[in-house]
Amino acid sequence: MNRLVLVVSLFLTSMSGVSRAAAQSNWAERLGFPAGGRVVILHGNEVGLAYEFSRPVQQALEDGVLTSASVSPVGPWFPESADWAKSQSDADVGITLTFVIPSDVIGCRPVSSREEVGSLTNADGYLPRTLLQFTVRADADQVRHEAESQIRHARAAGIQPTHLHPHLGAILTRPELMRTYLDLAVEHWIPAVMVDMTPALIARFRERGIDLDDETIEIIANYPLPKLDDIKDIPAAETYEEKRENLFRVLSELEPGITQIFLHPADDTPGIQRLCDTWEQRVWESQLLNDPEVREFLQEQDLILSNWRDIMRRFESIHNATDAEDEGE
């Protein structure tokens, strides 16, 4: 099916609310997973920002412990990460759209020139360290320009991205930036990491102090590509054993649907202790990926491990089949 025709069709069904898939209770069922299935994407973040971040994610993806990962096109280790991604042609590797670097020792510049995206940099020409600075200063047109540049930069390096990931949620902090993020996903036909804002999930976010406005909720509702039913990370802990129990609890309490679990593993080096305050949590998350008890727990749980490549394949297959059926009526 012609991609432009498919995009138009998806927008129309999204706006009208008459999509046959909408009758299903969650995105897992809409995409053909078994009813009641708990589908999990185990996602490794921040590949390319530092060697300590990149190596454990790359290894875990190759070993099949992680099912998905994303690479930052602005990171100091991006060239090495791009070479790795090219060698993993069947792996699920996306792009982390990066606008904020909360570190005193990593300085990342935008892919675009400072003259093009001056509102996205600090006085030294680097990406800002805080979400507040980005949210207050970022020009929406410059955000779109830089996001496009990061996508082109990754593709020029040989990465064929399977999804877009919003680093630290920066590009989600204002409705017009959220719209840019989701519009780019459709325009480039790369699914965005985005959760379906059901009433229950909206209520949960608001309980945590995240008060989503009506415009943002509507933008997400009208986004026609696949969405997640939930997102999770592994709560901080005082010991490694507690961290592992936190992971086990998150996995065992998952509801039916598609859930992406974010992990931020890192190697234990002198450098990592300078890179971020949460270095110990990250080191423990790296240990989790190599822990035999974790691998055994994953096998024992009634979980379906998946990734964005599989999700998009199912999505296109279902919609192509539906349109072919409609044409035959």
C-alpha atoms as a PDB file:
ATOM      1  CA  MET A   1       0.000   0.000   0.000  1.00  0.00           C
ATOM      2  CA  ASN A   2       1.263   3.493  -0.831  1.00  0.00           C
ATOM      3  CA  ARG A   3       2.663   5.044   2.371  1.00  0.00           C
ATOM      4  CA  LEU A   4       0.988   8.417   1.818  1.00  0.00           C
ATOM      5  CA  VAL A   5      -2.381   6.714   1.379  1.00  0.00           C
ATOM      6  CA  LEU A   6      -1.785   4.680   4.543  1.00  0.00           C
ATOM      7  CA  VAL A   7      -0.887   7.795   6.555  1.00  0.00           C
ATOM      8  CA  VAL A   8      -4.041   9.584   5.390  1.00  0.00           C
ATOM      9  CA  SER A   9      -6.138   6.502   6.183  1.00  0.00           C
ATOM     10  CA  LEU A  10      -4.662   6.233   9.664  1.00  0.00           C
ATOM     11  CA  PHE A  11      -5.300   9.882  10.445  1.00  0.00           C
ATOM     12  CA  LEU A  12      -8.907   9.575   9.295  1.00  0.00           C
ATOM     13  CA  THR A  13      -9.606   6.543  11.451  1.00  0.00           C
ATOM     14  CA  SER A  14      -7.807   8.162  14.370  1.00  0.00           C
ATOM     15  CA  MET A  15      -9.909  11.301  14.117  1.00  0.00           C
ATOM     16  CA  SER A  16     -13.226   9.518  13.549  1.00  0.00           C
ATOM     17  CA  GLY A  17     -12.756   6.888  16.247  1.00  0.00           C
ATOM     18  CA  VAL A  18     -14.240   4.140  14.095  1.00  0.00           C
ATOM     19  CA  SER A  19     -11.152   2.023  13.687  1.00  0.00           C
ATOM     20  CA  ARG A  20     -11.955  -1.656  14.123  1.00  0.00           C
ATOM     21  CA  ALA A  21      -8.805  -2.042  16.203  1.00  0.00           C
ATOM     22  CA  ALA A  22     -10.170   0.390  18.759  1.00  0.00           C
ATOM     23  CA  ALA A  23     -12.596  -2.300  19.924  1.00  0.00           C
ATOM     24  CA  GLN A  24      -9.650  -4.138  21.467  1.00  0.00           C
ATOM     25  CA  SER A  25      -8.845  -3.319  25.071  1.00  0.00           C
ATOM     26  CA  ASN A  26      -5.147  -2.481  24.666  1.00  0.00           C
ATOM     27  CA  TRP A  27      -2.416  -2.093  22.086  1.00  0.00           C
ATOM     28  CA  ALA A  28      -1.146  -5.639  22.529  1.00  0.00           C
ATOM     29  CA  GLU A  29      -4.503  -7.061  21.468  1.00  0.00           C
ATOM     30  CA  ARG A  30      -4.873  -4.504  18.668  1.00  0.00           C
ATOM     31  CA  LEU A  31      -1.586  -5.732  17.231  1.00  0.00           C
ATOM     32  CA  GLY A  32      -2.532  -9.392  17.353  1.00  0.00           C
ATOM     33  CA  PHE A  33      -0.865 -10.542  20.557  1.00  0.00           C
ATOM     34  CA  PRO A  34      -2.869 -13.059  22.630  1.00  0.00           C
ATOM     35  CA  ALA A  35      -5.742 -11.675  24.683  1.00  0.00           C
ATOM     36  CA  GLY A  36      -4.505 -10.791  28.143  1.00  0.00           C
ATOM     37  CA  GLY A  37      -0.890 -11.007  27.004  1.00  0.00           C
ATOM     38  CA  ARG A  38       1.754  -9.022  28.882  1.00  0.00           C
ATOM     39  CA  VAL A  39       4.098  -7.772  26.181  1.00  0.00           C
ATOM     40  CA  VAL A  40       7.381  -6.259  27.359  1.00  0.00           C
ATOM     41  CA  ILE A  41      10.010  -4.151  25.622  1.00  0.00           C
ATOM     42  CA  LEU A  42      13.219  -4.166  27.680  1.00  0.00           C
ATOM     43  CA  HIS A  43      14.896  -0.977  26.491  1.00  0.00           C
ATOM     44  CA  GLY A  44      18.475   0.222  27.061  1.00  0.00           C
ATOM     45  CA  ASN A  45      18.989   3.980  26.985  1.00  0.00           C
ATOM     46  CA  GLU A  46      21.760   6.469  26.255  1.00  0.00           C
ATOM     47  CA  VAL A  47      23.980   4.482  23.912  1.00  0.00           C
ATOM     48  CA  GLY A  48      26.540   6.890  22.482  1.00  0.00           C
ATOM     49  CA  LEU A  49      26.700   9.355  25.371  1.00  0.00           C
ATOM     50  CA  ALA A  50      29.618   7.553  27.053  1.00  0.00           C
ATOM     51  CA  TYR A  51      31.484   4.293  26.648  1.00  0.00           C
ATOM     52  CA  GLU A  52      30.335   3.254  30.135  1.00  0.00           C
ATOM     53  CA  PHE A  53      26.715   3.623  28.995  1.00  0.00           C
ATOM     54  CA  SER A  54      27.142   2.103  25.557  1.00  0.00           C
ATOM     55  CA  ARG A  55      29.016  -1.136  26.216  1.00  0.00           C
ATOM     56  CA  PRO A  56      26.577  -2.858  28.622  1.00  0.00           C
ATOM     57  CA  VAL A  57      23.543  -1.986  26.477  1.00  0.00           C
ATOM     58  CA  GLN A  58      25.232  -3.229  23.322  1.00  0.00           C
ATOM     59  CA  GLN A  59      26.272  -6.471  24.989  1.00  0.00           C
ATOM     60  CA  ALA A  60      22.854  -7.100  26.538  1.00  0.00           C
ATOM     61  CA  LEU A  61      21.110  -6.500  23.209  1.00  0.00           C
ATOM     62  CA  GLU A  62      23.446  -8.932  21.476  1.00  0.00           C
ATOM     63  CA  ASP A  63      22.852 -11.479  24.246  1.00  0.00           C
ATOM     64  CA  GLY A  64      19.090 -11.106  23.937  1.00  0.00           C
ATOM     65  CA  VAL A  65      18.571  -9.870  27.497  1.00  0.00           C
ATOM     66  CA  LEU A  66      17.504  -6.434  26.274  1.00  0.00           C
ATOM     67  CA  THR A  67      15.123  -6.368  23.325  1.00  0.00           C
ATOM     68  CA  SER A  68      15.552  -2.739  22.276  1.00  0.00           C
ATOM     69  CA  ALA A  69      17.988   0.174  22.528  1.00  0.00           C
ATOM     70  CA  SER A  70      18.427   3.730  21.309  1.00  0.00           C
ATOM     71  CA  VAL A  71      21.455   5.766  20.250  1.00  0.00           C
ATOM     72  CA  SER A  72      22.016   9.481  20.827  1.00  0.00           C
ATOM     73  CA  PRO A  73      23.245  11.186  17.620  1.00  0.00           C
ATOM     74  CA  VAL A  74      24.897  14.004  19.614  1.00  0.00           C
ATOM     75  CA  GLY A  75      26.922  11.790  21.961  1.00  0.00           C
ATOM     76  CA  PRO A  76      30.737  11.662  22.017  1.00  0.00           C
ATOM     77  CA  TRP A  77      30.567   7.905  21.393  1.00  0.00           C
ATOM     78  CA  PHE A  78      28.052   8.164  18.557  1.00  0.00           C
ATOM     79  CA  PRO A  79      30.497   7.133  15.743  1.00  0.00           C
ATOM     80  CA  GLU A  80      31.411   3.925  17.590  1.00  0.00           C
ATOM     81  CA  SER A  81      27.769   3.293  18.410  1.00  0.00           C
ATOM     82  CA  ALA A  82      26.735   3.806  14.777  1.00  0.00           C
ATOM     83  CA  ASP A  83      29.324   1.262  13.630  1.00  0.00           C
ATOM     84  CA  TRP A  84      27.953  -1.176  16.190  1.00  0.00           C
ATOM     85  CA  ALA A  85      24.363  -0.551  15.104  1.00  0.00           C
ATOM     86  CA  LYS A  86      25.268  -1.243  11.475  1.00  0.00           C
ATOM     87  CA  SER A  87      26.713  -4.596  12.515  1.00  0.00           C
ATOM     88  CA  GLN A  88      23.397  -5.474  14.218  1.00  0.00           C
ATOM     89  CA  SER A  89      21.132  -5.154  11.199  1.00  0.00           C
ATOM     90  CA  ASP A  90      18.325  -7.248  12.719  1.00  0.00           C
ATOM     91  CA  ALA A  91      18.437  -5.599  16.134  1.00  0.00           C
ATOM     92  CA  ASP A  92      15.916  -3.059  17.410  1.00  0.00           C
ATOM     93  CA  VAL A  93      17.945   0.172  17.522  1.00  0.00           C
ATOM     94  CA  GLY A  94      16.285   3.570  17.571  1.00  0.00           C
ATOM     95  CA  ILE A  95      17.327   7.203  17.910  1.00  0.00           C
ATOM     96  CA  THR A  96      17.316   9.163  21.155  1.00  0.00           C
ATOM     97  CA  LEU A  97      16.327  12.717  20.235  1.00  0.00           C
ATOM     98  CA  THR A  98      18.599  14.591  22.636  1.00  0.00           C
ATOM     99  CA  PHE A  99      18.227  18.221  23.739  1.00  0.00           C
ATOM    100  CA  VAL A 100      19.457  18.208  27.349  1.00  0.00           C
ATOM    101  CA  ILE A 101      22.658  16.767  28.865  1.00  0.00           C
ATOM    102  CA  PRO A 102      22.494  16.908  32.702  1.00  0.00           C
ATOM    103  CA  SER A 103      26.199  16.384  33.288  1.00  0.00           C
ATOM    104  CA  ASP A 104      29.109  18.550  34.364  1.00  0.00           C
ATOM    105  CA  VAL A 105      31.624  16.445  32.452  1.00  0.00           C
ATOM    106  CA  ILE A 106      29.879  15.541  29.165  1.00  0.00           C
ATOM    107  CA  GLY A 107      29.483  18.442  26.767  1.00  0.00           C
ATOM    108  CA  CYS A 108      27.339  17.701  23.710  1.00  0.00           C
ATOM    109  CA  ARG A 109      26.609  20.146  20.923  1.00  0.00           C
ATOM    110  CA  PRO A 110      23.572  19.969  18.649  1.00  0.00           C
ATOM    111  CA  VAL A 111      24.007  18.420  15.220  1.00  0.00           C
ATOM    112  CA  SER A 112      22.854  21.696  13.640  1.00  0.00           C
ATOM    113  CA  SER A 113      25.031  24.794  13.770  1.00  0.00           C
ATOM    114  CA  ARG A 114      24.650  27.222  16.641  1.00  0.00           C
ATOM    115  CA  GLU A 115      23.491  29.864  14.143  1.00  0.00           C
ATOM    116  CA  GLU A 116      20.592  27.583  13.199  1.00  0.00           C
ATOM    117  CA  VAL A 117      19.529  26.511  16.704  1.00  0.00           C
ATOM    118  CA  GLY A 118      20.856  29.117  19.105  1.00  0.00           C
ATOM    119  CA  SER A 119      17.865  28.792  21.433  1.00  0.00           C
ATOM    120  CA  LEU A 120      18.855  25.160  22.093  1.00  0.00           C
ATOM    121  CA  THR A 121      22.349  25.922  23.416  1.00  0.00           C
ATOM    122  CA  ASN A 122      23.907  27.573  26.434  1.00  0.00           C
ATOM    123  CA  ALA A 123      26.439  30.408  26.302  1.00  0.00           C
ATOM    124  CA  ASP A 124      29.228  27.959  25.417  1.00  0.00           C
ATOM    125  CA  GLY A 125      27.351  26.427  22.491  1.00  0.00           C
ATOM    126  CA  TYR A 126      26.526  23.172  24.284  1.00  0.00           C
ATOM    127  CA  LEU A 127      23.127  21.638  24.917  1.00  0.00           C
ATOM    128  CA  PRO A 128      21.714  22.863  28.247  1.00  0.00           C
ATOM    129  CA  ARG A 129      22.062  20.871  31.451  1.00  0.00           C
ATOM    130  CA  THR A 130      18.504  21.317  32.688  1.00  0.00           C
ATOM    131  CA  LEU A 131      15.026  20.640  31.347  1.00  0.00           C
ATOM    132  CA  LEU A 132      13.966  24.020  32.701  1.00  0.00           C
ATOM    133  CA  GLN A 133      16.434  25.909  30.527  1.00  0.00           C
ATOM    134  CA  PHE A 134      15.398  23.929  27.471  1.00  0.00           C
ATOM    135  CA  THR A 135      11.673  24.277  28.120  1.00  0.00           C
ATOM    136  CA  VAL A 136      11.836  28.036  28.679  1.00  0.00           C
ATOM    137  CA  ARG A 137      14.222  28.939  25.853  1.00  0.00           C
ATOM    138  CA  ALA A 138      13.640  26.398  23.061  1.00  0.00           C
ATOM    139  CA  ASP A 139      12.192  27.785  19.844  1.00  0.00           C
ATOM    140  CA  ALA A 140       9.730  25.255  18.399  1.00  0.00           C
ATOM    141  CA  ASP A 141      10.956  25.665  14.804  1.00  0.00           C
ATOM    142  CA  GLN A 142      14.545  25.168  15.946  1.00  0.00           C
ATOM    143  CA  VAL A 143      13.558  22.027  17.866  1.00  0.00           C
ATOM    144  CA  ARG A 144      12.042  20.602  14.683  1.00  0.00           C
ATOM    145  CA  HIS A 145      15.143  21.560  12.694  1.00  0.00           C
ATOM    146  CA  GLU A 146      17.493  19.907  15.197  1.00  0.00           C
ATOM    147  CA  ALA A 147      15.352  16.778  15.496  1.00  0.00           C
ATOM    148  CA  GLU A 148      15.363  16.440  11.703  1.00  0.00           C
ATOM    149  CA  SER A 149      19.142  16.941  11.730  1.00  0.00           C
ATOM    150  CA  GLN A 150      19.622  14.213  14.341  1.00  0.00           C
ATOM    151  CA  ILE A 151      17.528  11.781  12.293  1.00  0.00           C
ATOM    152  CA  ARG A 152      19.455  12.600   9.101  1.00  0.00           C
ATOM    153  CA  HIS A 153      22.775  12.372  10.949  1.00  0.00           C
ATOM    154  CA  ALA A 154      21.941   8.905  12.248  1.00  0.00           C
ATOM    155  CA  ARG A 155      20.803   7.691   8.854  1.00  0.00           C
ATOM    156  CA  ALA A 156      23.897   9.104   7.162  1.00  0.00           C
ATOM    157  CA  ALA A 157      25.969   7.090   9.642  1.00  0.00           C
ATOM    158  CA  GLY A 158      24.196   3.917   8.512  1.00  0.00           C
ATOM    159  CA  ILE A 159      21.576   3.540  11.261  1.00  0.00           C
ATOM    160  CA  GLN A 160      18.098   2.547  10.097  1.00  0.00           C
ATOM    161  CA  PRO A 161      16.167   3.620  13.206  1.00  0.00           C
ATOM    162  CA  THR A 162      13.307   1.455  14.413  1.00  0.00           C
ATOM    163  CA  HIS A 163      11.868   4.051  16.796  1.00  0.00           C
ATOM    164  CA  LEU A 164      12.276   7.557  18.229  1.00  0.00           C
ATOM    165  CA  HIS A 165      12.988   7.999  21.919  1.00  0.00           C
ATOM    166  CA  PRO A 166      12.544  11.367  23.745  1.00  0.00           C
ATOM    167  CA  HIS A 167      15.631  11.740  25.934  1.00  0.00           C
ATOM    168  CA  LEU A 168      14.564  12.875  29.416  1.00  0.00           C
ATOM    169  CA  GLY A 169      11.189  13.750  27.903  1.00  0.00           C
ATOM    170  CA  ALA A 170      12.556  17.141  26.788  1.00  0.00           C
ATOM    171  CA  ILE A 171      10.639  17.218  23.518  1.00  0.00           C
ATOM    172  CA  LEU A 172       7.441  16.368  25.419  1.00  0.00           C
ATOM    173  CA  THR A 173       7.526  19.357  27.767  1.00  0.00           C
ATOM    174  CA  ARG A 174       5.315  21.694  25.696  1.00  0.00           C
ATOM    175  CA  PRO A 175       2.317  20.835  23.498  1.00  0.00           C
ATOM    176  CA  GLU A 176       3.844  22.290  20.321  1.00  0.00           C
ATOM    177  CA  LEU A 177       7.031  20.270  20.914  1.00  0.00           C
ATOM    178  CA  MET A 178       5.002  17.119  21.574  1.00  0.00           C
ATOM    179  CA  ARG A 179       3.236  17.725  18.261  1.00  0.00           C
ATOM    180  CA  THR A 180       6.596  18.086  16.503  1.00  0.00           C
ATOM    181  CA  TYR A 181       7.831  14.803  18.000  1.00  0.00           C
ATOM    182  CA  LEU A 182       4.774  12.850  16.879  1.00  0.00           C
ATOM    183  CA  ASP A 183       4.545  14.575  13.482  1.00  0.00           C
ATOM    184  CA  LEU A 184       8.159  13.627  12.755  1.00  0.00           C
ATOM    185  CA  ALA A 185       7.390  10.009  13.658  1.00  0.00           C
ATOM    186  CA  VAL A 186       4.649   9.893  11.017  1.00  0.00           C
ATOM    187  CA  GLU A 187       6.598  11.872   8.405  1.00  0.00           C
ATOM    188  CA  HIS A 188       9.663   9.623   8.708  1.00  0.00           C
ATOM    189  CA  TRP A 189       7.596   6.489   9.394  1.00  0.00           C
ATOM    190  CA  ILE A 190       9.534   5.792  12.597  1.00  0.00           C
ATOM    191  CA  PRO A 191       7.252   4.999  15.557  1.00  0.00           C
ATOM    192  CA  ALA A 192       7.667   7.302  18.537  1.00  0.00           C
ATOM    193  CA  VAL A 193       7.940   5.987  22.075  1.00  0.00           C
ATOM    194  CA  MET A 194       4.610   7.250  23.368  1.00  0.00           C
ATOM    195  CA  VAL A 195       2.107   5.877  25.854  1.00  0.00           C
ATOM    196  CA  ASP A 196      -1.629   5.742  25.195  1.00  0.00           C
ATOM    197  CA  MET A 197      -3.227   8.266  27.537  1.00  0.00           C
ATOM    198  CA  THR A 198      -6.139   6.275  28.919  1.00  0.00           C
ATOM    199  CA  PRO A 199      -8.182   7.820  31.740  1.00  0.00           C
ATOM    200  CA  ALA A 200      -6.512   5.486  34.228  1.00  0.00           C
ATOM    201  CA  LEU A 201      -3.021   6.472  33.103  1.00  0.00           C
ATOM    202  CA  ILE A 202      -3.882  10.179  33.082  1.00  0.00           C
ATOM    203  CA  ALA A 203      -5.121   9.819  36.657  1.00  0.00           C
ATOM    204  CA  ARG A 204      -1.910   8.024  37.650  1.00  0.00           C
ATOM    205  CA  PHE A 205       0.246  10.774  36.144  1.00  0.00           C
ATOM    206  CA  ARG A 206      -1.779  13.446  37.910  1.00  0.00           C
ATOM    207  CA  GLU A 207      -1.354  11.628  41.224  1.00  0.00           C
ATOM    208  CA  ARG A 208       2.395  11.987  40.658  1.00  0.00           C
ATOM    209  CA  GLY A 209       2.085  15.713  40.006  1.00  0.00           C
ATOM    210  CA  ILE A 210       2.211  15.466  36.190  1.00  0.00           C
ATOM    211  CA  ASP A 211      -0.867  17.418  35.156  1.00  0.00           C
ATOM    212  CA  LEU A 212      -1.353  16.817  31.430  1.00  0.00           C
ATOM    213  CA  ASP A 213      -3.343  19.566  29.732  1.00  0.00           C
ATOM    214  CA  ASP A 214      -6.203  18.855  27.347  1.00  0.00           C
ATOM    215  CA  GLU A 215      -4.219  19.936  24.282  1.00  0.00           C
ATOM    216  CA  THR A 216      -1.435  17.448  25.011  1.00  0.00           C
ATOM    217  CA  ILE A 217      -3.927  14.642  25.612  1.00  0.00           C
ATOM    218  CA  GLU A 218      -5.649  15.416  22.310  1.00  0.00           C
ATOM    219  CA  ILE A 219      -2.349  15.488  20.402  1.00  0.00           C
ATOM    220  CA  ILE A 220      -1.471  12.041  21.733  1.00  0.00           C
ATOM    221  CA  ALA A 221      -4.967  10.692  21.036  1.00  0.00           C
ATOM    222  CA  ASN A 222      -4.723  11.778  17.381  1.00  0.00           C
ATOM    223  CA  TYR A 223      -1.284  10.216  16.838  1.00  0.00           C
ATOM    224  CA  PRO A 224      -2.012   7.255  14.533  1.00  0.00           C
ATOM    225  CA  LEU A 225       1.051   4.994  14.915  1.00  0.00           C
ATOM    226  CA  PRO A 226       1.370   2.270  17.599  1.00  0.00           C
ATOM    227  CA  LYS A 227       1.581   3.359  21.210  1.00  0.00           C
ATOM    228  CA  LEU A 228       2.529   1.732  24.488  1.00  0.00           C
ATOM    229  CA  ASP A 229       0.006   0.832  27.150  1.00  0.00           C
ATOM    230  CA  ASP A 230       2.448   1.686  29.929  1.00  0.00           C
ATOM    231  CA  ILE A 231       6.025   2.695  30.715  1.00  0.00           C
ATOM    232  CA  LYS A 232       8.123   1.682  33.702  1.00  0.00           C
ATOM    233  CA  ASP A 233      11.592   2.031  35.130  1.00  0.00           C
ATOM    234  CA  ILE A 234      13.295   0.228  37.992  1.00  0.00           C
ATOM    235  CA  PRO A 235      12.905   2.121  41.287  1.00  0.00           C
ATOM    236  CA  ALA A 236      16.057   3.189  43.099  1.00  0.00           C
ATOM    237  CA  ALA A 237      17.321   0.981  45.896  1.00  0.00           C
ATOM    238  CA  GLU A 238      19.788   0.942  48.790  1.00  0.00           C
ATOM    239  CA  THR A 239      21.430  -2.367  47.773  1.00  0.00           C
ATOM    240  CA  TYR A 240      21.816  -4.499  44.675  1.00  0.00           C
ATOM    241  CA  GLU A 241      19.566  -7.170  46.155  1.00  0.00           C
ATOM    242  CA  GLU A 242      16.831  -4.595  46.718  1.00  0.00           C
ATOM    243  CA  LYS A 243      17.300  -3.348  43.156  1.00  0.00           C
ATOM    244  CA  ARG A 244      16.784  -6.883  41.857  1.00  0.00           C
ATOM    245  CA  GLU A 245      13.661  -7.298  43.975  1.00  0.00           C
ATOM    246  CA  ASN A 246      12.365  -4.020  42.557  1.00  0.00           C
ATOM    247  CA  LEU A 247      12.813  -5.387  39.041  1.00  0.00           C
ATOM    248  CA  PHE A 248      11.068  -8.627  39.965  1.00  0.00           C
ATOM    249  CA  ARG A 249       8.172  -6.687  41.477  1.00  0.00           C
ATOM    250  CA  VAL A 250       7.804  -4.439  38.402  1.00  0.00           C
ATOM    251  CA  LEU A 251       7.758  -7.471  36.103  1.00  0.00           C
ATOM    252  CA  SER A 252       5.376  -9.526  38.217  1.00  0.00           C
ATOM    253  CA  GLU A 253       2.886  -6.651  38.593  1.00  0.00           C
ATOM    254  CA  LEU A 254       2.656  -5.785  34.894  1.00  0.00           C
ATOM    255  CA  GLU A 255      -0.849  -5.449  33.517  1.00  0.00           C
ATOM    256  CA  PRO A 256      -1.911  -6.845  30.105  1.00  0.00           C
ATOM    257  CA  GLY A 257      -0.787  -4.704  27.197  1.00  0.00           C
ATOM    258  CA  ILE A 258       2.536  -3.421  25.860  1.00  0.00           C
ATOM    259  CA  THR A 259       4.890  -2.027  28.503  1.00  0.00           C
ATOM    260  CA  GLN A 260       8.317  -0.564  27.845  1.00  0.00           C
ATOM    261  CA  ILE A 261      10.744  -0.892  30.741  1.00  0.00           C
ATOM    262  CA  PHE A 262      13.621   1.585  30.631  1.00  0.00           C
ATOM    263  CA  LEU A 263      17.038   0.571  31.922  1.00  0.00           C
ATOM    264  CA  HIS A 264      20.140   2.761  32.210  1.00  0.00           C
ATOM    265  CA  PRO A 265      22.989   0.260  32.701  1.00  0.00           C
ATOM    266  CA  ALA A 266      26.564   1.451  33.065  1.00  0.00           C
ATOM    267  CA  ASP A 267      29.985  -0.067  33.629  1.00  0.00           C
ATOM    268  CA  ASP A 268      31.600   0.545  37.015  1.00  0.00           C
ATOM    269  CA  THR A 269      34.575   2.797  36.255  1.00  0.00           C
ATOM    270  CA  PRO A 270      36.109   5.908  37.858  1.00  0.00           C
ATOM    271  CA  GLY A 271      34.616   7.831  34.958  1.00  0.00           C
ATOM    272  CA  ILE A 272      31.017   6.803  35.650  1.00  0.00           C
ATOM    273  CA  GLN A 273      31.259   8.231  39.155  1.00  0.00           C
ATOM    274  CA  ARG A 274      32.032  11.602  37.591  1.00  0.00           C
ATOM    275  CA  LEU A 275      29.366  11.295  34.898  1.00  0.00           C
ATOM    276  CA  CYS A 276      26.242  11.138  37.045  1.00  0.00           C
ATOM    277  CA  ASP A 277      25.039  11.120  40.633  1.00  0.00           C
ATOM    278  CA  THR A 278      23.006   7.959  40.067  1.00  0.00           C
ATOM    279  CA  TRP A 279      26.016   5.945  38.954  1.00  0.00           C
ATOM    280  CA  GLU A 280      25.508   3.203  41.560  1.00  0.00           C
ATOM    281  CA  GLN A 281      21.900   2.564  40.421  1.00  0.00           C
ATOM    282  CA  ARG A 282      23.160   2.312  36.835  1.00  0.00           C
ATOM    283  CA  VAL A 283      25.931  -0.098  37.772  1.00  0.00           C
ATOM    284  CA  TRP A 284      23.371  -2.298  39.528  1.00  0.00           C
ATOM    285  CA  GLU A 285      21.161  -2.214  36.428  1.00  0.00           C
ATOM    286  CA  SER A 286      24.150  -3.461  34.443  1.00  0.00           C
ATOM    287  CA  GLN A 287      24.551  -6.276  36.974  1.00  0.00           C
ATOM    288  CA  LEU A 288      20.876  -7.158  36.547  1.00  0.00           C
ATOM    289  CA  LEU A 289      21.470  -7.845  32.864  1.00  0.00           C
ATOM    290  CA  ASN A 290      24.116 -10.425  33.733  1.00  0.00           C
ATOM    291  CA  ASP A 291      22.417 -11.978  36.743  1.00  0.00           C
ATOM    292  CA  PRO A 292      21.389 -15.650  36.211  1.00  0.00           C
ATOM    293  CA  GLU A 293      18.502 -15.169  38.660  1.00  0.00           C
ATOM    294  CA  VAL A 294      17.137 -12.332  36.507  1.00  0.00           C
ATOM    295  CA  ARG A 295      17.331 -14.420  33.352  1.00  0.00           C
ATOM    296  CA  GLU A 296      15.626 -17.316  35.136  1.00  0.00           C
ATOM    297  CA  PHE A 297      12.895 -14.999  36.433  1.00  0.00           C
ATOM    298  CA  LEU A 298      12.245 -13.667  32.929  1.00  0.00           C
ATOM    299  CA  GLN A 299      11.837 -17.205  31.619  1.00  0.00           C
ATOM    300  CA  GLU A 300       9.471 -18.158  34.450  1.00  0.00           C
ATOM    301  CA  GLN A 301       7.178 -15.161  34.042  1.00  0.00           C
ATOM    302  CA  ASP A 302       4.293 -15.324  31.606  1.00  0.00           C
ATOM    303  CA  LEU A 303       5.733 -12.487  29.506  1.00  0.00           C
ATOM    304  CA  ILE A 304       6.022 -11.910  25.767  1.00  0.00           C
ATOM    305  CA  LEU A 305       9.282 -10.137  24.953  1.00  0.00           C
ATOM    306  CA  SER A 306       9.010  -7.889  21.919  1.00  0.00           C
ATOM    307  CA  ASN A 307      10.473  -4.749  20.351  1.00  0.00           C
ATOM    308  CA  TRP A 308       9.558  -1.813  18.099  1.00  0.00           C
ATOM    309  CA  ARG A 309      10.550  -3.639  14.933  1.00  0.00           C
ATOM    310  CA  ASP A 310       8.002  -6.375  15.684  1.00  0.00           C
ATOM    311  CA  ILE A 311       5.346  -3.877  16.771  1.00  0.00           C
ATOM    312  CA  MET A 312       5.612  -1.857  13.566  1.00  0.00           C
ATOM    313  CA  ARG A 313       5.623  -5.007  11.430  1.00  0.00           C
ATOM    314  CA  ARG A 314       2.398  -6.165  13.083  1.00  0.00           C
ATOM    315  CA  PHE A 315       0.855  -2.702  12.741  1.00  0.00           C
ATOM    316  CA  GLU A 316       1.547  -2.427   9.011  1.00  0.00           C
ATOM    317  CA  SER A 317       0.450  -6.004   8.381  1.00  0.00           C
ATOM    318  CA  ILE A 318      -2.896  -5.515  10.128  1.00  0.00           C
ATOM    319  CA  HIS A 319      -3.682  -2.236   8.394  1.00  0.00           C
ATOM    320  CA  ASN A 320      -2.619  -3.509   4.962  1.00  0.00           C
ATOM    321  CA  ALA A 321      -4.838  -6.570   5.449  1.00  0.00           C
ATOM    322  CA  THR A 322      -7.767  -4.401   6.596  1.00  0.00           C
ATOM    323  CA  ASP A 323      -7.465  -2.099   3.586  1.00  0.00           C
ATOM    324  CA  ALA A 324      -7.243  -5.067   1.214  1.00  0.00           C
ATOM    325  CA  GLU A 325     -10.401  -6.485   2.830  1.00  0.00           C
ATOM    326  CA  ASP A 326     -12.193  -3.143   2.425  1.00  0.00           C
ATOM    327  CA  GLU A 327     -11.232  -2.966  -1.248  1.00  0.00           C
ATOM    328  CA  GLY A 328     -12.674  -6.442  -1.801  1.00  0.00           C
ATOM    329  CA  GLU A 329     -16.068  -5.606  -0.290  1.00  0.00           C
END
